[in-house]
Amino acid sequence: MLNKSQSEVVQSNAEKLLVLAGAGTGKTTTMLARISRLIDEEKVDVQSILVLTFTNAAACEMRDRYRRSHPNQQT
């Protein structure tokens, strides 16, 4: 379940967002929910979405979690 701030990020229509938060605050969950909404509801091409993370580990975690939740889509 997302909190109010996380829900605002997911539902935002902004083309670019900067999400800054500390460890364990749900950044990955929030960003994955936003990506899913853009693809599923807004029909944005997955290949046109760019997500930048601070570490390679965070990038791999996000990619792996997205692939697990969307097994039929290529990333």
PDB file of N, CA and C in Angstrom:
ATOM      1  N   MET A   1       0.858  -1.172   0.000  1.00  0.00           N
ATOM      2  CA  MET A   1       0.000   0.000   0.000  1.00  0.00           C
ATOM      3  C   MET A   1       0.905   1.236   0.000  1.00  0.00           C
ATOM      4  N   LEU A   2       0.586   2.171  -0.856  1.00  0.00           N
ATOM      5  CA  LEU A   2       1.371   3.399  -0.960  1.00  0.00           C
ATOM      6  C   LEU A   2       0.816   4.473  -0.027  1.00  0.00           C
ATOM      7  N   ASN A   3       1.703   5.306   0.514  1.00  0.00           N
ATOM      8  CA  ASN A   3       1.232   6.433   1.313  1.00  0.00           C
ATOM      9  C   ASN A   3       0.853   7.596   0.381  1.00  0.00           C
ATOM     10  N   LYS A   4       0.432   8.704   0.945  1.00  0.00           N
ATOM     11  CA  LYS A   4      -0.051   9.831   0.144  1.00  0.00           C
ATOM     12  C   LYS A   4       1.026  10.365  -0.799  1.00  0.00           C
ATOM     13  N   SER A   5       2.232  10.567  -0.298  1.00  0.00           N
ATOM     14  CA  SER A   5       3.319  11.092  -1.136  1.00  0.00           C
ATOM     15  C   SER A   5       3.671  10.131  -2.261  1.00  0.00           C
ATOM     16  N   GLN A   6       3.712   8.855  -1.948  1.00  0.00           N
ATOM     17  CA  GLN A   6       4.008   7.852  -2.972  1.00  0.00           C
ATOM     18  C   GLN A   6       2.916   7.830  -4.033  1.00  0.00           C
ATOM     19  N   SER A   7       1.667   7.893  -3.617  1.00  0.00           N
ATOM     20  CA  SER A   7       0.544   7.910  -4.560  1.00  0.00           C
ATOM     21  C   SER A   7       0.601   9.125  -5.475  1.00  0.00           C
ATOM     22  N   GLU A   8       1.032  10.257  -4.942  1.00  0.00           N
ATOM     23  CA  GLU A   8       1.161  11.463  -5.763  1.00  0.00           C
ATOM     24  C   GLU A   8       2.198  11.262  -6.865  1.00  0.00           C
ATOM     25  N   VAL A   9       3.295  10.590  -6.542  1.00  0.00           N
ATOM     26  CA  VAL A   9       4.320  10.297  -7.550  1.00  0.00           C
ATOM     27  C   VAL A   9       3.739   9.376  -8.621  1.00  0.00           C
ATOM     28  N   VAL A  10       3.066   8.332  -8.209  1.00  0.00           N
ATOM     29  CA  VAL A  10       2.512   7.361  -9.147  1.00  0.00           C
ATOM     30  C   VAL A  10       1.492   8.016 -10.074  1.00  0.00           C
ATOM     31  N   GLN A  11       0.648   8.885  -9.539  1.00  0.00           N
ATOM     32  CA  GLN A  11      -0.426   9.485 -10.325  1.00  0.00           C
ATOM     33  C   GLN A  11      -0.027  10.759 -11.066  1.00  0.00           C
ATOM     34  N   SER A  12       1.157  11.261 -10.834  1.00  0.00           N
ATOM     35  CA  SER A  12       1.599  12.511 -11.459  1.00  0.00           C
ATOM     36  C   SER A  12       1.625  12.390 -12.982  1.00  0.00           C
ATOM     37  N   ASN A  13       1.252  13.463 -13.645  1.00  0.00           N
ATOM     38  CA  ASN A  13       1.315  13.531 -15.108  1.00  0.00           C
ATOM     39  C   ASN A  13       2.574  14.233 -15.588  1.00  0.00           C
ATOM     40  N   ALA A  14       3.477  14.543 -14.675  1.00  0.00           N
ATOM     41  CA  ALA A  14       4.733  15.197 -15.042  1.00  0.00           C
ATOM     42  C   ALA A  14       5.562  14.258 -15.919  1.00  0.00           C
ATOM     43  N   GLU A  15       6.213  14.827 -16.921  1.00  0.00           N
ATOM     44  CA  GLU A  15       7.057  14.014 -17.790  1.00  0.00           C
ATOM     45  C   GLU A  15       8.327  13.574 -17.087  1.00  0.00           C
ATOM     46  N   LYS A  16       8.823  14.406 -16.181  1.00  0.00           N
ATOM     47  CA  LYS A  16      10.052  14.101 -15.455  1.00  0.00           C
ATOM     48  C   LYS A  16       9.802  14.272 -13.970  1.00  0.00           C
ATOM     49  N   LEU A  17      10.321  13.335 -13.191  1.00  0.00           N
ATOM     50  CA  LEU A  17      10.192  13.404 -11.736  1.00  0.00           C
ATOM     51  C   LEU A  17      11.531  13.109 -11.098  1.00  0.00           C
ATOM     52  N   LEU A  18      11.801  13.762 -10.015  1.00  0.00           N
ATOM     53  CA  LEU A  18      12.958  13.457  -9.182  1.00  0.00           C
ATOM     54  C   LEU A  18      12.414  12.963  -7.854  1.00  0.00           C
ATOM     55  N   VAL A  19      12.748  11.732  -7.508  1.00  0.00           N
ATOM     56  CA  VAL A  19      12.273  11.146  -6.263  1.00  0.00           C
ATOM     57  C   VAL A  19      13.481  10.946  -5.355  1.00  0.00           C
ATOM     58  N   LEU A  20      13.526  11.725  -4.286  1.00  0.00           N
ATOM     59  CA  LEU A  20      14.611  11.628  -3.315  1.00  0.00           C
ATOM     60  C   LEU A  20      14.038  11.172  -1.988  1.00  0.00           C
ATOM     61  N   ALA A  21      14.588  10.106  -1.458  1.00  0.00           N
ATOM     62  CA  ALA A  21      14.135   9.603  -0.164  1.00  0.00           C
ATOM     63  C   ALA A  21      15.202   8.668   0.376  1.00  0.00           C
ATOM     64  N   GLY A  22      15.178   8.457   1.661  1.00  0.00           N
ATOM     65  CA  GLY A  22      16.183   7.616   2.301  1.00  0.00           C
ATOM     66  C   GLY A  22      15.965   6.140   2.059  1.00  0.00           C
ATOM     67  N   ALA A  23      16.911   5.357   2.534  1.00  0.00           N
ATOM     68  CA  ALA A  23      16.845   3.904   2.398  1.00  0.00           C
ATOM     69  C   ALA A  23      15.603   3.345   3.094  1.00  0.00           C
ATOM     70  N   GLY A  24      14.969   2.388   2.440  1.00  0.00           N
ATOM     71  CA  GLY A  24      13.832   1.705   3.046  1.00  0.00           C
ATOM     72  C   GLY A  24      12.532   2.480   3.051  1.00  0.00           C
ATOM     73  N   THR A  25      12.445   3.548   2.250  1.00  0.00           N
ATOM     74  CA  THR A  25      11.229   4.370   2.258  1.00  0.00           C
ATOM     75  C   THR A  25      10.237   4.006   1.157  1.00  0.00           C
ATOM     76  N   GLY A  26      10.588   3.033   0.319  1.00  0.00           N
ATOM     77  CA  GLY A  26       9.651   2.595  -0.714  1.00  0.00           C
ATOM     78  C   GLY A  26       9.859   3.228  -2.071  1.00  0.00           C
ATOM     79  N   LYS A  27      11.053   3.732  -2.347  1.00  0.00           N
ATOM     80  CA  LYS A  27      11.313   4.361  -3.651  1.00  0.00           C
ATOM     81  C   LYS A  27      11.114   3.375  -4.798  1.00  0.00           C
ATOM     82  N   THR A  28      11.678   2.187  -4.653  1.00  0.00           N
ATOM     83  CA  THR A  28      11.568   1.199  -5.735  1.00  0.00           C
ATOM     84  C   THR A  28      10.118   0.807  -5.956  1.00  0.00           C
ATOM     85  N   THR A  29       9.401   0.549  -4.886  1.00  0.00           N
ATOM     86  CA  THR A  29       7.982   0.198  -4.993  1.00  0.00           C
ATOM     87  C   THR A  29       7.201   1.312  -5.667  1.00  0.00           C
ATOM     88  N   THR A  30       7.484   2.544  -5.287  1.00  0.00           N
ATOM     89  CA  THR A  30       6.793   3.701  -5.856  1.00  0.00           C
ATOM     90  C   THR A  30       7.101   3.841  -7.344  1.00  0.00           C
ATOM     91  N   MET A  31       8.367   3.733  -7.697  1.00  0.00           N
ATOM     92  CA  MET A  31       8.741   3.885  -9.098  1.00  0.00           C
ATOM     93  C   MET A  31       8.179   2.750  -9.949  1.00  0.00           C
ATOM     94  N   LEU A  32       8.167   1.539  -9.418  1.00  0.00           N
ATOM     95  CA  LEU A  32       7.587   0.429 -10.171  1.00  0.00           C
ATOM     96  C   LEU A  32       6.086   0.605 -10.361  1.00  0.00           C
ATOM     97  N   ALA A  33       5.413   1.132  -9.358  1.00  0.00           N
ATOM     98  CA  ALA A  33       3.977   1.406  -9.495  1.00  0.00           C
ATOM     99  C   ALA A  33       3.739   2.471 -10.555  1.00  0.00           C
ATOM    100  N   ARG A  34       4.594   3.488 -10.593  1.00  0.00           N
ATOM    101  CA  ARG A  34       4.465   4.537 -11.608  1.00  0.00           C
ATOM    102  C   ARG A  34       4.723   3.978 -13.005  1.00  0.00           C
ATOM    103  N   ILE A  35       5.767   3.207 -13.145  1.00  0.00           N
ATOM    104  CA  ILE A  35       6.089   2.610 -14.442  1.00  0.00           C
ATOM    105  C   ILE A  35       4.934   1.728 -14.903  1.00  0.00           C
ATOM    106  N   SER A  36       4.407   0.914 -14.017  1.00  0.00           N
ATOM    107  CA  SER A  36       3.274   0.050 -14.362  1.00  0.00           C
ATOM    108  C   SER A  36       2.064   0.867 -14.804  1.00  0.00           C
ATOM    109  N   ARG A  37       1.788   1.974 -14.084  1.00  0.00           N
ATOM    110  CA  ARG A  37       0.656   2.817 -14.477  1.00  0.00           C
ATOM    111  C   ARG A  37       0.885   3.425 -15.851  1.00  0.00           C
ATOM    112  N   LEU A  38       2.069   3.910 -16.104  1.00  0.00           N
ATOM    113  CA  LEU A  38       2.360   4.514 -17.413  1.00  0.00           C
ATOM    114  C   LEU A  38       2.177   3.506 -18.542  1.00  0.00           C
ATOM    115  N   ILE A  39       2.640   2.288 -18.330  1.00  0.00           N
ATOM    116  CA  ILE A  39       2.538   1.266 -19.369  1.00  0.00           C
ATOM    117  C   ILE A  39       1.121   0.731 -19.498  1.00  0.00           C
ATOM    118  N   ASP A  40       0.505   0.395 -18.375  1.00  0.00           N
ATOM    119  CA  ASP A  40      -0.811  -0.245 -18.399  1.00  0.00           C
ATOM    120  C   ASP A  40      -1.953   0.722 -18.689  1.00  0.00           C
ATOM    121  N   GLU A  41      -1.912   1.917 -18.112  1.00  0.00           N
ATOM    122  CA  GLU A  41      -3.023   2.857 -18.254  1.00  0.00           C
ATOM    123  C   GLU A  41      -2.782   3.902 -19.337  1.00  0.00           C
ATOM    124  N   GLU A  42      -1.567   4.412 -19.414  1.00  0.00           N
ATOM    125  CA  GLU A  42      -1.265   5.481 -20.368  1.00  0.00           C
ATOM    126  C   GLU A  42      -0.725   4.940 -21.690  1.00  0.00           C
ATOM    127  N   LYS A  43      -0.485   3.623 -21.744  1.00  0.00           N
ATOM    128  CA  LYS A  43       0.013   2.950 -22.953  1.00  0.00           C
ATOM    129  C   LYS A  43       1.347   3.502 -23.439  1.00  0.00           C
ATOM    130  N   VAL A  44       2.206   3.886 -22.506  1.00  0.00           N
ATOM    131  CA  VAL A  44       3.545   4.364 -22.834  1.00  0.00           C
ATOM    132  C   VAL A  44       4.402   3.148 -23.196  1.00  0.00           C
ATOM    133  N   ASP A  45       5.193   3.259 -24.250  1.00  0.00           N
ATOM    134  CA  ASP A  45       6.087   2.193 -24.661  1.00  0.00           C
ATOM    135  C   ASP A  45       7.170   2.004 -23.605  1.00  0.00           C
ATOM    136  N   VAL A  46       7.340   0.772 -23.147  1.00  0.00           N
ATOM    137  CA  VAL A  46       8.321   0.483 -22.103  1.00  0.00           C
ATOM    138  C   VAL A  46       9.725   0.923 -22.519  1.00  0.00           C
ATOM    139  N   GLN A  47      10.024   0.888 -23.802  1.00  0.00           N
ATOM    140  CA  GLN A  47      11.349   1.273 -24.290  1.00  0.00           C
ATOM    141  C   GLN A  47      11.581   2.778 -24.227  1.00  0.00           C
ATOM    142  N   SER A  48      10.549   3.557 -23.979  1.00  0.00           N
ATOM    143  CA  SER A  48      10.698   5.012 -23.917  1.00  0.00           C
ATOM    144  C   SER A  48      10.804   5.534 -22.478  1.00  0.00           C
ATOM    145  N   ILE A  49      10.860   4.638 -21.509  1.00  0.00           N
ATOM    146  CA  ILE A  49      10.935   5.032 -20.108  1.00  0.00           C
ATOM    147  C   ILE A  49      12.381   4.911 -19.634  1.00  0.00           C
ATOM    148  N   LEU A  50      12.883   5.982 -19.045  1.00  0.00           N
ATOM    149  CA  LEU A  50      14.235   5.997 -18.494  1.00  0.00           C
ATOM    150  C   LEU A  50      14.143   6.199 -16.988  1.00  0.00           C
ATOM    151  N   VAL A  51      14.757   5.305 -16.250  1.00  0.00           N
ATOM    152  CA  VAL A  51      14.813   5.405 -14.798  1.00  0.00           C
ATOM    153  C   VAL A  51      16.284   5.387 -14.402  1.00  0.00           C
ATOM    154  N   LEU A  52      16.712   6.401 -13.678  1.00  0.00           N
ATOM    155  CA  LEU A  52      18.087   6.473 -13.201  1.00  0.00           C
ATOM    156  C   LEU A  52      18.123   6.200 -11.716  1.00  0.00           C
ATOM    157  N   THR A  53      19.089   5.403 -11.304  1.00  0.00           N
ATOM    158  CA  THR A  53      19.258   5.091  -9.891  1.00  0.00           C
ATOM    159  C   THR A  53      20.666   5.463  -9.467  1.00  0.00           C
ATOM    160  N   PHE A  54      20.895   5.473  -8.187  1.00  0.00           N
ATOM    161  CA  PHE A  54      22.186   5.874  -7.654  1.00  0.00           C
ATOM    162  C   PHE A  54      23.223   4.760  -7.758  1.00  0.00           C
ATOM    163  N   THR A  55      22.763   3.516  -7.697  1.00  0.00           N
ATOM    164  CA  THR A  55      23.701   2.392  -7.740  1.00  0.00           C
ATOM    165  C   THR A  55      23.270   1.358  -8.768  1.00  0.00           C
ATOM    166  N   ASN A  56      24.221   0.565  -9.227  1.00  0.00           N
ATOM    167  CA  ASN A  56      23.894  -0.544 -10.130  1.00  0.00           C
ATOM    168  C   ASN A  56      23.010  -1.561  -9.425  1.00  0.00           C
ATOM    169  N   ALA A  57      23.251  -1.771  -8.138  1.00  0.00           N
ATOM    170  CA  ALA A  57      22.438  -2.723  -7.379  1.00  0.00           C
ATOM    171  C   ALA A  57      20.968  -2.302  -7.380  1.00  0.00           C
ATOM    172  N   ALA A  58      20.715  -1.011  -7.204  1.00  0.00           N
ATOM    173  CA  ALA A  58      19.332  -0.511  -7.217  1.00  0.00           C
ATOM    174  C   ALA A  58      18.716  -0.679  -8.602  1.00  0.00           C
ATOM    175  N   ALA A  59      19.500  -0.435  -9.637  1.00  0.00           N
ATOM    176  CA  ALA A  59      19.004  -0.596 -11.005  1.00  0.00           C
ATOM    177  C   ALA A  59      18.650  -2.058 -11.276  1.00  0.00           C
ATOM    178  N   CYS A  60      19.505  -2.969 -10.861  1.00  0.00           N
ATOM    179  CA  CYS A  60      19.242  -4.398 -11.059  1.00  0.00           C
ATOM    180  C   CYS A  60      18.018  -4.843 -10.268  1.00  0.00           C
ATOM    181  N   GLU A  61      17.902  -4.364  -9.046  1.00  0.00           N
ATOM    182  CA  GLU A  61      16.740  -4.705  -8.216  1.00  0.00           C
ATOM    183  C   GLU A  61      15.453  -4.221  -8.879  1.00  0.00           C
ATOM    184  N   MET A  62      15.447  -3.002  -9.388  1.00  0.00           N
ATOM    185  CA  MET A  62      14.252  -2.461 -10.028  1.00  0.00           C
ATOM    186  C   MET A  62      13.907  -3.260 -11.285  1.00  0.00           C
ATOM    187  N   ARG A  63      14.911  -3.544 -12.113  1.00  0.00           N
ATOM    188  CA  ARG A  63      14.677  -4.309 -13.333  1.00  0.00           C
ATOM    189  C   ARG A  63      14.133  -5.694 -13.000  1.00  0.00           C
ATOM    190  N   ASP A  64      14.744  -6.377 -12.029  1.00  0.00           N
ATOM    191  CA  ASP A  64      14.315  -7.721 -11.672  1.00  0.00           C
ATOM    192  C   ASP A  64      12.901  -7.736 -11.102  1.00  0.00           C
ATOM    193  N   ARG A  65      12.600  -6.781 -10.252  1.00  0.00           N
ATOM    194  CA  ARG A  65      11.240  -6.712  -9.685  1.00  0.00           C
ATOM    195  C   ARG A  65      10.214  -6.394 -10.760  1.00  0.00           C
ATOM    196  N   TYR A  66      10.564  -5.522 -11.708  1.00  0.00           N
ATOM    197  CA  TYR A  66       9.640  -5.223 -12.805  1.00  0.00           C
ATOM    198  C   TYR A  66       9.407  -6.478 -13.654  1.00  0.00           C
ATOM    199  N   ARG A  67      10.471  -7.179 -13.986  1.00  0.00           N
ATOM    200  CA  ARG A  67      10.343  -8.386 -14.807  1.00  0.00           C
ATOM    201  C   ARG A  67       9.493  -9.446 -14.121  1.00  0.00           C
ATOM    202  N   ARG A  68       9.633  -9.576 -12.800  1.00  0.00           N
ATOM    203  CA  ARG A  68       8.808 -10.550 -12.073  1.00  0.00           C
ATOM    204  C   ARG A  68       7.328 -10.169 -12.104  1.00  0.00           C
ATOM    205  N   SER A  69       7.045  -8.873 -12.052  1.00  0.00           N
ATOM    206  CA  SER A  69       5.638  -8.448 -12.037  1.00  0.00           C
ATOM    207  C   SER A  69       5.047  -8.304 -13.432  1.00  0.00           C
ATOM    208  N   HIS A  70       5.890  -8.294 -14.472  1.00  0.00           N
ATOM    209  CA  HIS A  70       5.437  -8.163 -15.864  1.00  0.00           C
ATOM    210  C   HIS A  70       6.196  -9.171 -16.736  1.00  0.00           C
ATOM    211  N   PRO A  71       5.961 -10.463 -16.554  1.00  0.00           N
ATOM    212  CA  PRO A  71       6.764 -11.477 -17.244  1.00  0.00           C
ATOM    213  C   PRO A  71       6.616 -11.495 -18.767  1.00  0.00           C
ATOM    214  N   ASN A  72       5.558 -10.912 -19.296  1.00  0.00           N
ATOM    215  CA  ASN A  72       5.335 -10.957 -20.748  1.00  0.00           C
ATOM    216  C   ASN A  72       5.846  -9.744 -21.485  1.00  0.00           C
ATOM    217  N   GLN A  73       6.506  -8.820 -20.790  1.00  0.00           N
ATOM    218  CA  GLN A  73       7.022  -7.604 -21.423  1.00  0.00           C
ATOM    219  C   GLN A  73       8.536  -7.637 -21.442  1.00  0.00           C
ATOM    220  N   GLN A  74       9.096  -7.141 -22.543  1.00  0.00           N
ATOM    221  CA  GLN A  74      10.552  -7.038 -22.625  1.00  0.00           C
ATOM    222  C   GLN A  74      11.004  -5.727 -22.034  1.00  0.00           C
ATOM    223  N   THR A  75      12.144  -5.744 -21.342  1.00  0.00           N
ATOM    224  CA  THR A  75      12.735  -4.523 -20.800  1.00  0.00           C
ATOM    225  C   THR A  75      14.141  -4.370 -21.298  1.00  0.00           C
TER     226      THR A  75
END
